[in-house]
């Protein structure tokens, strides 16, 4: 390509398959913007890997996008990984499901699942442990759980008072029999 003449068929370095350098260099050599005739020139021509249309490397934006009007099909694919892929490791997500359930009697139990398999089922836990765990996790969790625990505690206290009254009546009945 050292002495390429306009209209002379040559191999097209851009891969467009035109085979005509006159189409690539639309101006005459007199204007100074045609195909480079010196080997190793630094004007960005095809001799040093630049564009075949005679434009300089300064015509291409620094972000790698083609200048306006450039044929997209004439570009070579970029080297390296595509933008969507990342070499960073993805974080493995572990799904643990802890279910804490209580009854109106104030008895609590816990169950733990790892994904779809059970780790523990039906473990008895105290109301105090449930309250502490809820407070440690978040204040929005602690409020409703403490209300449920307090309601169960009040029901237990009422049941204890009822049983104490019943016990007192049983003691009086026993004392009368003696």
C-alpha atoms as a PDB file:
ATOM      1  CA  UNK A   1       0.000   0.000   0.000  1.00  0.00           C
ATOM      2  CA  UNK A   2       3.020   2.243  -0.165  1.00  0.00           C
ATOM      3  CA  UNK A   3       2.283   3.477  -3.661  1.00  0.00           C
ATOM      4  CA  UNK A   4      -1.453   2.957  -3.928  1.00  0.00           C
ATOM      5  CA  UNK A   5      -2.986   4.834  -6.813  1.00  0.00           C
ATOM      6  CA  UNK A   6      -6.612   5.918  -6.888  1.00  0.00           C
ATOM      7  CA  UNK A   7      -8.678   3.394  -8.783  1.00  0.00           C
ATOM      8  CA  UNK A   8      -6.169   0.531  -8.303  1.00  0.00           C
ATOM      9  CA  UNK A   9      -7.738  -2.579  -6.733  1.00  0.00           C
ATOM     10  CA  UNK A  10      -6.063  -3.503  -3.439  1.00  0.00           C
ATOM     11  CA  UNK A  11      -6.924  -5.476  -0.336  1.00  0.00           C
ATOM     12  CA  UNK A  12      -9.234  -3.429   1.865  1.00  0.00           C
ATOM     13  CA  UNK A  13      -7.922  -3.303   5.483  1.00  0.00           C
ATOM     14  CA  UNK A  14     -11.342  -2.378   6.893  1.00  0.00           C
ATOM     15  CA  UNK A  15     -12.960  -5.612   5.763  1.00  0.00           C
ATOM     16  CA  UNK A  16     -15.749  -3.901   3.816  1.00  0.00           C
ATOM     17  CA  UNK A  17     -14.807  -5.818   0.691  1.00  0.00           C
ATOM     18  CA  UNK A  18     -14.893  -2.864  -1.722  1.00  0.00           C
ATOM     19  CA  UNK A  19     -11.370  -3.535  -3.008  1.00  0.00           C
ATOM     20  CA  UNK A  20     -11.049   0.033  -4.270  1.00  0.00           C
ATOM     21  CA  UNK A  21      -8.954   2.564  -2.411  1.00  0.00           C
ATOM     22  CA  UNK A  22     -10.380   5.393  -4.479  1.00  0.00           C
ATOM     23  CA  UNK A  23     -13.711   4.936  -2.750  1.00  0.00           C
ATOM     24  CA  UNK A  24     -11.986   5.060   0.617  1.00  0.00           C
ATOM     25  CA  UNK A  25      -9.921   8.136  -0.211  1.00  0.00           C
ATOM     26  CA  UNK A  26     -12.423  10.567  -1.613  1.00  0.00           C
ATOM     27  CA  UNK A  27      -9.988  13.428  -2.090  1.00  0.00           C
ATOM     28  CA  UNK A  28      -7.052  13.801  -4.380  1.00  0.00           C
ATOM     29  CA  UNK A  29      -3.468  13.533  -3.151  1.00  0.00           C
ATOM     30  CA  UNK A  30      -3.070  17.256  -3.817  1.00  0.00           C
ATOM     31  CA  UNK A  31      -5.251  18.147  -0.833  1.00  0.00           C
ATOM     32  CA  UNK A  32      -3.142  16.100   1.535  1.00  0.00           C
ATOM     33  CA  UNK A  33      -5.976  14.086   2.998  1.00  0.00           C
ATOM     34  CA  UNK A  34      -5.819  11.047   0.716  1.00  0.00           C
ATOM     35  CA  UNK A  35      -4.243   7.671   1.355  1.00  0.00           C
ATOM     36  CA  UNK A  36      -0.806   7.907   2.947  1.00  0.00           C
ATOM     37  CA  UNK A  37       2.058   7.235   0.603  1.00  0.00           C
ATOM     38  CA  UNK A  38       4.775   6.946   3.234  1.00  0.00           C
ATOM     39  CA  UNK A  39       5.234   3.862   5.314  1.00  0.00           C
ATOM     40  CA  UNK A  40       5.127   4.468   9.039  1.00  0.00           C
ATOM     41  CA  UNK A  41       3.330   7.782   8.713  1.00  0.00           C
ATOM     42  CA  UNK A  42       1.523   8.961  11.804  1.00  0.00           C
ATOM     43  CA  UNK A  43      -1.615  10.398  10.288  1.00  0.00           C
ATOM     44  CA  UNK A  44      -3.701   7.381  11.289  1.00  0.00           C
ATOM     45  CA  UNK A  45      -4.025   5.919   7.798  1.00  0.00           C
ATOM     46  CA  UNK A  46      -4.229   2.232   6.945  1.00  0.00           C
ATOM     47  CA  UNK A  47      -0.459   1.868   6.927  1.00  0.00           C
ATOM     48  CA  UNK A  48      -0.336   2.172  10.706  1.00  0.00           C
ATOM     49  CA  UNK A  49      -3.667   0.542  11.550  1.00  0.00           C
ATOM     50  CA  UNK A  50      -5.804   3.668  11.351  1.00  0.00           C
ATOM     51  CA  UNK A  51      -9.032   4.122   9.407  1.00  0.00           C
ATOM     52  CA  UNK A  52      -8.963   3.480   5.634  1.00  0.00           C
ATOM     53  CA  UNK A  53     -10.887   6.623   4.773  1.00  0.00           C
ATOM     54  CA  UNK A  54      -7.808   8.765   5.387  1.00  0.00           C
ATOM     55  CA  UNK A  55      -9.109  10.342   8.568  1.00  0.00           C
ATOM     56  CA  UNK A  56      -6.674  10.788  11.394  1.00  0.00           C
ATOM     57  CA  UNK A  57      -6.767   9.136  14.774  1.00  0.00           C
ATOM     58  CA  UNK A  58      -7.941  12.472  16.199  1.00  0.00           C
ATOM     59  CA  UNK A  59     -11.263  12.041  14.345  1.00  0.00           C
ATOM     60  CA  UNK A  60     -12.228   9.061  16.540  1.00  0.00           C
ATOM     61  CA  UNK A  61     -13.678   9.932  19.962  1.00  0.00           C
ATOM     62  CA  UNK A  62     -11.641   8.718  22.917  1.00  0.00           C
ATOM     63  CA  UNK A  63     -14.486   6.561  24.231  1.00  0.00           C
ATOM     64  CA  UNK A  64     -14.121   4.122  21.325  1.00  0.00           C
ATOM     65  CA  UNK A  65     -17.366   5.007  19.526  1.00  0.00           C
ATOM     66  CA  UNK A  66     -17.123   5.471  15.769  1.00  0.00           C
ATOM     67  CA  UNK A  67     -17.358   8.992  14.337  1.00  0.00           C
ATOM     68  CA  UNK A  68     -20.721  10.070  13.026  1.00  0.00           C
ATOM     69  CA  UNK A  69     -21.601   8.462   9.725  1.00  0.00           C
ATOM     70  CA  UNK A  70     -19.138   5.567  10.125  1.00  0.00           C
ATOM     71  CA  UNK A  71     -20.314   2.149   8.973  1.00  0.00           C
ATOM     72  CA  UNK A  72     -20.945   0.017  12.073  1.00  0.00           C
ATOM     73  CA  UNK A  73     -20.548  -3.231  10.113  1.00  0.00           C
ATOM     74  CA  UNK A  74     -17.001  -2.244   9.162  1.00  0.00           C
ATOM     75  CA  UNK A  75     -15.818  -2.254  12.811  1.00  0.00           C
ATOM     76  CA  UNK A  76     -13.968  -5.201  14.272  1.00  0.00           C
ATOM     77  CA  UNK A  77     -15.304  -6.645  17.514  1.00  0.00           C
ATOM     78  CA  UNK A  78     -13.487  -5.297  20.560  1.00  0.00           C
ATOM     79  CA  UNK A  79     -11.039  -7.465  22.403  1.00  0.00           C
ATOM     80  CA  UNK A  80     -11.570  -8.575  25.985  1.00  0.00           C
ATOM     81  CA  UNK A  81     -14.695  -9.381  27.909  1.00  0.00           C
ATOM     82  CA  UNK A  82     -18.071  -7.936  27.009  1.00  0.00           C
ATOM     83  CA  UNK A  83     -19.283  -5.109  29.228  1.00  0.00           C
ATOM     84  CA  UNK A  84     -21.996  -7.248  30.835  1.00  0.00           C
ATOM     85  CA  UNK A  85     -19.637  -9.837  32.265  1.00  0.00           C
ATOM     86  CA  UNK A  86     -17.779  -9.239  35.465  1.00  0.00           C
ATOM     87  CA  UNK A  87     -14.766 -11.009  36.848  1.00  0.00           C
ATOM     88  CA  UNK A  88     -15.919 -10.342  40.406  1.00  0.00           C
ATOM     89  CA  UNK A  89     -17.194 -13.326  42.337  1.00  0.00           C
ATOM     90  CA  UNK A  90     -20.900 -13.411  42.973  1.00  0.00           C
ATOM     91  CA  UNK A  91     -22.019 -13.592  46.576  1.00  0.00           C
ATOM     92  CA  UNK A  92     -23.643 -16.848  47.545  1.00  0.00           C
ATOM     93  CA  UNK A  93     -26.988 -16.203  49.191  1.00  0.00           C
ATOM     94  CA  UNK A  94     -27.986 -18.509  52.037  1.00  0.00           C
ATOM     95  CA  UNK A  95     -31.668 -18.624  52.859  1.00  0.00           C
ATOM     96  CA  UNK A  96     -32.399 -19.520  56.459  1.00  0.00           C
ATOM     97  CA  UNK A  97     -35.980 -19.379  57.669  1.00  0.00           C
ATOM     98  CA  UNK A  98     -36.559 -19.141  61.411  1.00  0.00           C
ATOM     99  CA  UNK A  99     -40.155 -19.577  62.508  1.00  0.00           C
ATOM    100  CA  UNK A 100     -41.063 -18.794  66.097  1.00  0.00           C
ATOM    101  CA  UNK A 101     -44.616 -19.599  67.083  1.00  0.00           C
ATOM    102  CA  UNK A 102     -46.444 -19.302  70.351  1.00  0.00           C
ATOM    103  CA  UNK A 103     -49.742 -20.413  71.781  1.00  0.00           C
ATOM    104  CA  UNK A 104     -52.245 -18.542  73.905  1.00  0.00           C
ATOM    105  CA  UNK A 105     -50.883 -20.500  76.863  1.00  0.00           C
ATOM    106  CA  UNK A 106     -47.511 -18.779  76.412  1.00  0.00           C
ATOM    107  CA  UNK A 107     -45.623 -21.797  75.117  1.00  0.00           C
ATOM    108  CA  UNK A 108     -43.193 -20.991  72.343  1.00  0.00           C
ATOM    109  CA  UNK A 109     -41.363 -23.162  69.851  1.00  0.00           C
ATOM    110  CA  UNK A 110     -38.845 -22.524  67.082  1.00  0.00           C
ATOM    111  CA  UNK A 111     -38.241 -24.178  63.712  1.00  0.00           C
ATOM    112  CA  UNK A 112     -35.321 -23.571  61.348  1.00  0.00           C
ATOM    113  CA  UNK A 113     -35.116 -24.304  57.623  1.00  0.00           C
ATOM    114  CA  UNK A 114     -32.024 -24.055  55.394  1.00  0.00           C
ATOM    115  CA  UNK A 115     -33.477 -23.563  51.917  1.00  0.00           C
ATOM    116  CA  UNK A 116     -36.000 -26.396  51.672  1.00  0.00           C
ATOM    117  CA  UNK A 117     -34.506 -28.782  54.230  1.00  0.00           C
ATOM    118  CA  UNK A 118     -35.347 -28.703  57.916  1.00  0.00           C
ATOM    119  CA  UNK A 119     -32.518 -28.074  60.371  1.00  0.00           C
ATOM    120  CA  UNK A 120     -34.629 -28.130  63.550  1.00  0.00           C
ATOM    121  CA  UNK A 121     -38.334 -28.537  64.256  1.00  0.00           C
ATOM    122  CA  UNK A 122     -40.444 -28.003  67.350  1.00  0.00           C
ATOM    123  CA  UNK A 123     -37.683 -26.759  69.669  1.00  0.00           C
ATOM    124  CA  UNK A 124     -39.187 -25.321  72.883  1.00  0.00           C
ATOM    125  CA  UNK A 125     -38.048 -21.777  73.670  1.00  0.00           C
ATOM    126  CA  UNK A 126     -38.911 -19.438  76.519  1.00  0.00           C
ATOM    127  CA  UNK A 127     -40.955 -16.288  76.134  1.00  0.00           C
ATOM    128  CA  UNK A 128     -38.040 -14.297  77.574  1.00  0.00           C
ATOM    129  CA  UNK A 129     -35.713 -15.653  74.861  1.00  0.00           C
ATOM    130  CA  UNK A 130     -38.246 -14.766  72.166  1.00  0.00           C
ATOM    131  CA  UNK A 131     -38.580 -11.245  73.571  1.00  0.00           C
ATOM    132  CA  UNK A 132     -34.797 -10.758  73.732  1.00  0.00           C
ATOM    133  CA  UNK A 133     -34.310 -12.081  70.199  1.00  0.00           C
ATOM    134  CA  UNK A 134     -37.025  -9.803  68.827  1.00  0.00           C
ATOM    135  CA  UNK A 135     -35.506  -6.782  70.592  1.00  0.00           C
ATOM    136  CA  UNK A 136     -32.072  -7.662  69.215  1.00  0.00           C
ATOM    137  CA  UNK A 137     -33.390  -7.952  65.655  1.00  0.00           C
ATOM    138  CA  UNK A 138     -35.483  -4.777  65.362  1.00  0.00           C
ATOM    139  CA  UNK A 139     -37.656  -2.508  67.512  1.00  0.00           C
ATOM    140  CA  UNK A 140     -40.586  -2.911  65.104  1.00  0.00           C
ATOM    141  CA  UNK A 141     -40.528  -6.652  65.801  1.00  0.00           C
ATOM    142  CA  UNK A 142     -40.144  -6.329  69.557  1.00  0.00           C
ATOM    143  CA  UNK A 143     -43.311  -4.251  70.129  1.00  0.00           C
ATOM    144  CA  UNK A 144     -45.917  -6.668  68.753  1.00  0.00           C
ATOM    145  CA  UNK A 145     -44.152  -9.725  70.156  1.00  0.00           C
ATOM    146  CA  UNK A 146     -43.956  -8.167  73.624  1.00  0.00           C
ATOM    147  CA  UNK A 147     -47.694  -7.410  73.434  1.00  0.00           C
ATOM    148  CA  UNK A 148     -48.447 -11.066  72.676  1.00  0.00           C
ATOM    149  CA  UNK A 149     -46.152 -12.211  75.494  1.00  0.00           C
ATOM    150  CA  UNK A 150     -47.743  -9.743  77.935  1.00  0.00           C
ATOM    151  CA  UNK A 151     -51.230 -10.942  76.993  1.00  0.00           C
ATOM    152  CA  UNK A 152     -50.170 -14.566  77.591  1.00  0.00           C
ATOM    153  CA  UNK A 153     -48.541 -13.549  80.899  1.00  0.00           C
ATOM    154  CA  UNK A 154     -51.751 -11.815  82.039  1.00  0.00           C
ATOM    155  CA  UNK A 155     -53.782 -14.911  81.098  1.00  0.00           C
ATOM    156  CA  UNK A 156     -51.351 -17.106  83.074  1.00  0.00           C
ATOM    157  CA  UNK A 157     -51.545 -14.753  86.081  1.00  0.00           C
ATOM    158  CA  UNK A 158     -55.352 -14.908  85.963  1.00  0.00           C
ATOM    159  CA  UNK A 159     -55.217 -18.708  85.789  1.00  0.00           C
ATOM    160  CA  UNK A 160     -52.800 -18.805  88.774  1.00  0.00           C
ATOM    161  CA  UNK A 161     -55.147 -16.561  90.807  1.00  0.00           C
ATOM    162  CA  UNK A 162     -58.068 -18.835  89.903  1.00  0.00           C
ATOM    163  CA  UNK A 163     -56.138 -21.947  90.928  1.00  0.00           C
ATOM    164  CA  UNK A 164     -55.024 -20.295  94.200  1.00  0.00           C
ATOM    165  CA  UNK A 165     -58.660 -19.495  95.047  1.00  0.00           C
ATOM    166  CA  UNK A 166     -59.621 -23.085  94.234  1.00  0.00           C
ATOM    167  CA  UNK A 167     -56.754 -24.367  96.394  1.00  0.00           C
ATOM    168  CA  UNK A 168     -57.878 -22.167  99.295  1.00  0.00           C
ATOM    169  CA  UNK A 169     -61.407 -23.582  99.054  1.00  0.00           C
ATOM    170  CA  UNK A 170     -59.994 -27.118  99.006  1.00  0.00           C
ATOM    171  CA  UNK A 171     -57.928 -26.394 102.146  1.00  0.00           C
ATOM    172  CA  UNK A 172     -60.973 -25.035 103.982  1.00  0.00           C
ATOM    173  CA  UNK A 173     -62.977 -28.112 103.013  1.00  0.00           C
ATOM    174  CA  UNK A 174     -60.151 -30.336 104.262  1.00  0.00           C
ATOM    175  CA  UNK A 175     -59.917 -28.424 107.547  1.00  0.00           C
ATOM    176  CA  UNK A 176     -63.646 -28.910 108.162  1.00  0.00           C
ATOM    177  CA  UNK A 177     -63.318 -32.666 107.670  1.00  0.00           C
ATOM    178  CA  UNK A 178     -60.751 -33.021 110.380  1.00  0.00           C
END
